Protein backbone atom coordinates (compact mmCIF):
# COMPACT_ATOMS: atom_id res chain seq x y z
CA UNK A 1 -3.98 12.88 2.67
CA UNK A 2 -7.41 12.16 4.70
CA UNK A 3 -8.96 9.01 4.24
CA UNK A 4 -10.90 7.59 1.48
CA UNK A 5 -14.29 5.98 3.79
CA UNK A 6 -15.08 1.99 3.38
CA UNK A 7 -17.88 2.42 0.62
CA UNK A 8 -15.99 4.75 -1.40
CA UNK A 9 -12.98 2.57 -2.34
CA UNK A 10 -12.32 2.34 -5.43
CA UNK A 11 -11.92 -1.86 -6.35
CA UNK A 12 -8.88 -1.51 -7.88
CA UNK A 13 -6.15 1.99 -8.18
CA UNK A 14 -4.33 1.93 -11.72
CA UNK A 15 -1.18 1.62 -11.15
CA UNK A 16 0.15 5.63 -12.19
CA UNK A 17 -1.71 5.79 -8.29
CA UNK A 18 -0.90 3.57 -6.42
CA UNK A 19 1.80 4.75 -5.22
CA UNK A 20 0.48 7.38 -3.45
CA UNK A 21 -2.99 5.36 -2.66
CA UNK A 22 -0.65 2.85 -0.66
CA UNK A 23 1.87 4.64 -0.22
CA UNK A 24 4.24 1.85 -1.03
CA UNK A 25 6.81 1.69 -3.77
CA UNK A 26 5.88 1.09 -7.46
CA UNK A 27 8.97 -1.51 -7.07
CA UNK A 28 7.11 -2.49 -3.70
CA UNK A 29 3.79 -3.53 -5.21
CA UNK A 30 5.44 -5.65 -7.81
CA UNK A 31 7.74 -7.58 -6.34
CA UNK A 32 4.78 -7.64 -3.55
CA UNK A 33 2.64 -9.24 -6.67
CA UNK A 34 5.15 -11.72 -8.23
CA UNK A 35 5.10 -13.33 -4.16
CA UNK A 36 1.33 -13.46 -4.14
CA UNK A 37 0.98 -10.78 -1.43
CA UNK A 38 -0.99 -8.13 -4.38
CA UNK A 39 -3.24 -8.61 -6.89
CA UNK A 40 -2.95 -6.80 -9.50
CA UNK A 41 -5.02 -6.95 -12.45
CA UNK A 42 -5.34 -6.26 -16.26
CA UNK A 43 -7.07 -3.90 -18.48
CA UNK A 44 -6.70 -3.45 -21.88
CA UNK A 45 -3.25 -1.98 -21.93
CA UNK A 46 -3.41 -1.04 -17.94
CA UNK A 47 -2.36 -2.27 -15.17
CA UNK A 48 -5.07 -2.21 -12.14
CA UNK A 49 -3.78 -3.25 -8.21
CA UNK A 50 -6.49 -4.68 -6.42
CA UNK A 51 -7.20 -2.54 -3.88
CA UNK A 52 -7.82 -5.64 -1.23
CA UNK A 53 -5.70 -7.39 -1.05
CA UNK A 54 -2.98 -4.16 -0.56
CA UNK A 55 -4.82 -3.29 2.45
CA UNK A 56 -4.75 -6.81 3.34
CA UNK A 57 -0.57 -6.35 2.80
CA UNK A 58 -0.39 -3.51 4.22
CA UNK A 59 -2.69 -5.26 7.55
CA UNK A 60 0.13 -7.93 7.58
CA UNK A 61 3.02 -6.11 7.39
CA UNK A 62 5.07 -6.02 11.42
CA UNK A 63 5.09 -2.16 13.62
CA UNK A 64 7.46 -0.71 13.33
CA UNK A 65 9.13 -0.06 16.25
CA UNK A 66 9.99 3.01 17.52
CA UNK A 67 13.05 3.59 19.87
CA UNK A 68 13.14 6.71 22.46
CA UNK A 69 16.37 8.67 21.17
CA UNK A 70 18.65 9.22 24.53
CA UNK A 71 19.99 11.48 23.25
CA UNK A 72 17.49 14.06 23.11
CA UNK A 73 15.79 15.78 26.48
CA UNK A 74 12.01 15.37 26.73
CA UNK A 75 10.47 18.05 26.57
């Protein structure tokens, strides 16, 4: 999936689409919201994920350390 340009990002994403957009499971989104790290909004019966807060949450996560597998030979 190609990145969405900043000027074309929606302010909020409906919950059914949020896992695919943000790369987080539905459970992870609700957990982060319960911890106050992601903002959820209600529009009638729909739950919307605030895009800015979700992106800020992702940016706050630590960078993964990837270690070379000693068993593999360099090509």
